[in-house]
């Protein structure tokens, strides 16, 4: 746990001092037994979709840990830039679809929070599930993307050949297939929507591995000043 996340509603404002109480048993156990926190310990703290700074451990009991937040939490919330890349992941075929549909909104949000705490980020990703391609198409047309890409191992193009290292401004949408890959009619459908195919590697990867690999390559091409020949990082 590299970041402790709260919501604004968790903050207690008393006599110009902002505090929060950690009451989650798992978080308390991690802080006490893994991080070995003590009174006076400085911890990295964030407010969901807002400020990221530090808090000081003010008191510790068996049931809670109180943090005093830094003065920065009293300032106007910063404007957090959204990532340049939006990700579309194909839903698994019907045999494994039932497992996915059993995921509740609460369990998905819990996984997202864990990811934010690991990556030290306060911006909560927006997750939407489209039951049909028609629903997805209507949502896709409502957004003005600078580029739309789809991963497919038979393509001759790569992310490097698509000149992402010169991209300056505008959101990019990238689609990754489910286990088993894209069907022919799905590839034709995405082509109709203006998606350009690219190949990540000659190897066939699991969806979750492909997602990490693709986003990592895109992050390098869109942000690294050396790869971009001195260009500033791309903006959404």
Protein backbone atom coordinates (compact mmCIF):
# COMPACT_ATOMS: atom_id res chain seq x y z
CA UNK A 1 0.00 0.00 0.00
CA UNK A 2 1.78 3.11 -1.29
CA UNK A 3 -1.12 5.53 -0.79
CA UNK A 4 -4.01 5.87 1.65
CA UNK A 5 -7.16 7.04 -0.13
CA UNK A 6 -10.15 8.84 1.35
CA UNK A 7 -13.24 10.64 0.14
CA UNK A 8 -14.00 14.26 1.02
CA UNK A 9 -16.84 13.05 3.23
CA UNK A 10 -14.29 11.24 5.43
CA UNK A 11 -12.51 14.48 6.41
CA UNK A 12 -13.20 16.06 9.80
CA UNK A 13 -12.65 19.84 9.89
CA UNK A 14 -12.16 21.07 13.45
CA UNK A 15 -10.49 24.32 14.54
CA UNK A 16 -8.74 24.79 11.19
CA UNK A 17 -7.25 21.29 11.40
CA UNK A 18 -8.19 18.57 8.94
CA UNK A 19 -8.12 14.99 10.15
CA UNK A 20 -9.27 11.59 8.93
CA UNK A 21 -9.80 8.35 10.81
CA UNK A 22 -8.69 5.05 9.32
CA UNK A 23 -11.16 2.41 10.51
CA UNK A 24 -10.80 -0.32 7.88
CA UNK A 25 -9.42 -3.40 9.63
CA UNK A 26 -7.26 -4.53 6.71
CA UNK A 27 -5.73 -1.08 6.29
CA UNK A 28 -5.02 -0.78 10.01
CA UNK A 29 -3.44 -4.24 10.05
CA UNK A 30 -1.21 -3.35 7.08
CA UNK A 31 -0.13 -0.04 8.57
CA UNK A 32 0.66 -1.48 11.99
CA UNK A 33 2.15 -4.85 11.08
CA UNK A 34 3.74 -4.21 7.67
CA UNK A 35 4.60 -0.52 7.58
CA UNK A 36 5.12 -0.35 11.35
CA UNK A 37 3.57 3.11 11.62
CA UNK A 38 3.81 5.11 14.84
CA UNK A 39 2.63 8.48 16.13
CA UNK A 40 4.41 11.18 14.15
CA UNK A 41 4.91 8.96 11.08
CA UNK A 42 4.44 10.74 7.74
CA UNK A 43 2.14 8.88 5.31
CA UNK A 44 1.20 9.59 1.72
CA UNK A 45 -2.51 10.44 1.60
CA UNK A 46 -4.90 11.24 -1.23
CA UNK A 47 -8.48 12.37 -1.64
CA UNK A 48 -10.29 10.50 -4.40
CA UNK A 49 -10.22 12.55 -7.62
CA UNK A 50 -8.46 15.38 -5.81
CA UNK A 51 -5.46 16.32 -3.68
CA UNK A 52 -2.41 14.09 -3.20
CA UNK A 53 -0.06 14.98 -0.34
CA UNK A 54 0.86 13.81 3.16
CA UNK A 55 -0.68 13.22 6.56
CA UNK A 56 0.89 12.70 9.98
CA UNK A 57 -0.20 9.92 12.33
CA UNK A 58 -1.76 11.73 15.28
CA UNK A 59 -3.05 8.83 17.36
CA UNK A 60 -3.35 5.04 17.23
CA UNK A 61 -5.91 2.83 18.93
CA UNK A 62 -6.98 -0.77 18.44
CA UNK A 63 -9.88 0.34 16.27
CA UNK A 64 -8.59 3.38 14.39
CA UNK A 65 -5.63 5.46 13.28
CA UNK A 66 -6.09 9.23 13.14
CA UNK A 67 -4.17 11.28 10.57
CA UNK A 68 -3.68 15.03 10.55
CA UNK A 69 -3.67 16.23 6.95
CA UNK A 70 -1.22 18.76 5.53
CA UNK A 71 -2.18 22.36 4.78
CA UNK A 72 -2.38 21.53 1.06
CA UNK A 73 -5.67 19.75 1.64
CA UNK A 74 -7.22 23.13 2.55
CA UNK A 75 -6.44 24.57 -0.88
CA UNK A 76 -8.66 24.38 -3.93
CA UNK A 77 -8.54 20.87 -5.41
CA UNK A 78 -6.01 20.55 -8.24
CA UNK A 79 -7.10 19.91 -11.80
CA UNK A 80 -6.10 16.32 -12.53
CA UNK A 81 -5.36 15.65 -16.18
CA UNK A 82 -7.02 12.53 -17.53
CA UNK A 83 -4.79 10.03 -19.36
CA UNK A 84 -4.47 10.38 -23.13
CA UNK A 85 -5.44 6.75 -23.70
CA UNK A 86 -8.89 5.20 -23.29
CA UNK A 87 -8.99 1.40 -23.24
CA UNK A 88 -11.62 -0.95 -24.67
CA UNK A 89 -11.42 -4.62 -23.71
CA UNK A 90 -13.52 -7.26 -25.47
CA UNK A 91 -15.82 -9.25 -23.19
CA UNK A 92 -14.99 -12.98 -23.01
CA UNK A 93 -17.00 -15.50 -24.98
CA UNK A 94 -20.28 -16.77 -23.45
CA UNK A 95 -18.68 -19.70 -21.56
CA UNK A 96 -16.72 -17.34 -19.33
CA UNK A 97 -19.09 -14.37 -19.50
CA UNK A 98 -21.08 -15.48 -16.46
CA UNK A 99 -18.05 -15.01 -14.19
CA UNK A 100 -17.59 -11.46 -15.43
CA UNK A 101 -21.24 -10.51 -14.99
CA UNK A 102 -21.12 -11.72 -11.39
CA UNK A 103 -18.70 -8.91 -10.56
CA UNK A 104 -20.60 -6.25 -8.66
CA UNK A 105 -19.96 -2.55 -8.96
CA UNK A 106 -18.58 -2.64 -5.42
CA UNK A 107 -16.03 -5.35 -6.22
CA UNK A 108 -14.91 -3.53 -9.38
CA UNK A 109 -14.51 -0.28 -7.43
CA UNK A 110 -12.54 -2.13 -4.75
CA UNK A 111 -10.11 -3.41 -7.39
CA UNK A 112 -9.77 0.09 -8.84
CA UNK A 113 -9.03 1.54 -5.40
CA UNK A 114 -6.33 -1.07 -4.83
CA UNK A 115 -4.78 -0.12 -8.16
CA UNK A 116 -4.80 3.57 -7.26
CA UNK A 117 -3.17 2.85 -3.91
CA UNK A 118 -0.47 0.78 -5.59
CA UNK A 119 0.21 3.32 -8.34
CA UNK A 120 -0.07 6.41 -6.10
CA UNK A 121 -2.85 8.06 -8.08
CA UNK A 122 -6.11 9.71 -6.97
CA UNK A 123 -7.93 9.81 -10.33
CA UNK A 124 -10.59 7.08 -10.34
CA UNK A 125 -10.94 5.39 -13.75
CA UNK A 126 -14.41 5.39 -15.30
CA UNK A 127 -15.53 1.85 -16.16
CA UNK A 128 -18.50 1.22 -18.45
CA UNK A 129 -19.83 -2.12 -19.68
CA UNK A 130 -21.61 -2.28 -23.03
CA UNK A 131 -23.87 -5.27 -23.53
CA UNK A 132 -24.02 -4.91 -27.32
CA UNK A 133 -21.81 -3.57 -30.10
CA UNK A 134 -24.62 -1.16 -30.95
CA UNK A 135 -24.50 0.40 -27.49
CA UNK A 136 -20.74 0.68 -27.75
CA UNK A 137 -20.89 2.26 -31.22
CA UNK A 138 -23.29 4.96 -30.04
CA UNK A 139 -21.05 5.79 -27.07
CA UNK A 140 -17.93 5.78 -29.24
CA UNK A 141 -19.42 8.24 -31.72
CA UNK A 142 -20.12 10.72 -28.93
CA UNK A 143 -16.37 11.20 -28.33
CA UNK A 144 -13.95 12.86 -30.71
CA UNK A 145 -10.83 10.69 -30.71
CA UNK A 146 -7.63 11.77 -32.42
CA UNK A 147 -6.74 8.13 -33.09
CA UNK A 148 -8.53 4.79 -32.77
CA UNK A 149 -6.37 1.68 -32.64
CA UNK A 150 -7.08 -2.05 -32.40
CA UNK A 151 -4.58 -4.76 -31.49
CA UNK A 152 -4.38 -7.68 -33.92
CA UNK A 153 -1.42 -10.08 -34.40
CA UNK A 154 -1.84 -10.26 -38.21
CA UNK A 155 -1.23 -6.54 -38.70
CA UNK A 156 2.06 -5.38 -40.20
CA UNK A 157 2.00 -2.06 -38.35
CA UNK A 158 3.34 -1.54 -34.85
CA UNK A 159 2.72 1.21 -32.31
CA UNK A 160 6.11 2.63 -33.26
CA UNK A 161 5.23 2.81 -36.96
CA UNK A 162 2.04 4.76 -36.17
CA UNK A 163 4.11 7.79 -35.11
CA UNK A 164 2.70 7.97 -31.60
CA UNK A 165 5.95 9.61 -30.53
CA UNK A 166 4.91 12.72 -32.48
CA UNK A 167 1.33 12.82 -31.18
CA UNK A 168 0.79 16.13 -29.37
CA UNK A 169 -2.86 16.50 -28.39
CA UNK A 170 -6.10 14.54 -28.41
CA UNK A 171 -7.43 11.36 -26.81
CA UNK A 172 -6.52 7.96 -28.24
CA UNK A 173 -8.80 4.92 -28.06
CA UNK A 174 -7.21 1.46 -28.15
CA UNK A 175 -9.15 -1.82 -28.35
CA UNK A 176 -7.86 -5.17 -27.08
CA UNK A 177 -9.60 -8.45 -27.87
CA UNK A 178 -10.96 -11.07 -25.46
CA UNK A 179 -9.38 -14.47 -24.91
CA UNK A 180 -9.40 -16.16 -28.31
CA UNK A 181 -8.90 -12.92 -30.20
CA UNK A 182 -11.16 -10.92 -32.48
CA UNK A 183 -13.59 -12.59 -34.88
CA UNK A 184 -13.57 -11.55 -38.54
CA UNK A 185 -16.87 -9.70 -38.31
CA UNK A 186 -15.61 -7.83 -35.23
CA UNK A 187 -12.49 -6.69 -37.08
CA UNK A 188 -14.67 -5.51 -39.96
CA UNK A 189 -16.92 -3.70 -37.49
CA UNK A 190 -14.03 -1.84 -35.88
CA UNK A 191 -12.61 -0.97 -39.30
CA UNK A 192 -15.96 0.62 -40.14
CA UNK A 193 -15.64 2.73 -36.99
CA UNK A 194 -12.23 3.99 -38.14
CA UNK A 195 -9.93 1.79 -36.06
CA UNK A 196 -6.40 1.14 -37.35
CA UNK A 197 -4.83 -2.26 -36.66
CA UNK A 198 -1.42 -2.70 -35.04
CA UNK A 199 0.65 -5.66 -33.87
CA UNK A 200 2.21 -5.79 -30.43
CA UNK A 201 4.29 -8.95 -30.86
CA UNK A 202 4.37 -12.21 -32.80
CA UNK A 203 3.37 -14.01 -29.62
CA UNK A 204 -0.23 -14.52 -28.51
CA UNK A 205 -0.74 -12.90 -25.11
CA UNK A 206 -3.47 -13.18 -22.52
CA UNK A 207 -5.76 -10.17 -22.51
CA UNK A 208 -4.55 -8.78 -19.18
CA UNK A 209 -0.90 -9.17 -20.23
CA UNK A 210 -1.55 -7.52 -23.59
CA UNK A 211 -3.30 -4.60 -21.88
CA UNK A 212 -0.32 -3.89 -19.62
CA UNK A 213 2.18 -4.29 -22.47
CA UNK A 214 0.24 -2.04 -24.85
CA UNK A 215 -0.34 0.70 -22.28
CA UNK A 216 3.33 0.57 -21.31
CA UNK A 217 4.49 0.98 -24.91
CA UNK A 218 2.00 3.78 -25.49
CA UNK A 219 3.08 5.55 -22.31
CA UNK A 220 6.69 5.47 -23.51
CA UNK A 221 5.81 6.80 -26.97
CA UNK A 222 3.49 9.50 -25.63
CA UNK A 223 5.60 10.72 -22.70
CA UNK A 224 9.30 9.91 -22.91
CA UNK A 225 11.25 13.01 -24.10
CA UNK A 226 14.06 10.92 -25.58
CA UNK A 227 11.74 8.82 -27.73
CA UNK A 228 9.81 11.97 -28.65
CA UNK A 229 12.96 13.86 -29.71
CA UNK A 230 12.39 16.60 -27.15
CA UNK A 231 8.63 16.98 -27.63
CA UNK A 232 6.53 17.63 -24.53
CA UNK A 233 4.35 14.74 -23.31
CA UNK A 234 1.11 14.35 -25.24
CA UNK A 235 -2.04 15.90 -23.76
CA UNK A 236 -5.61 14.74 -23.88
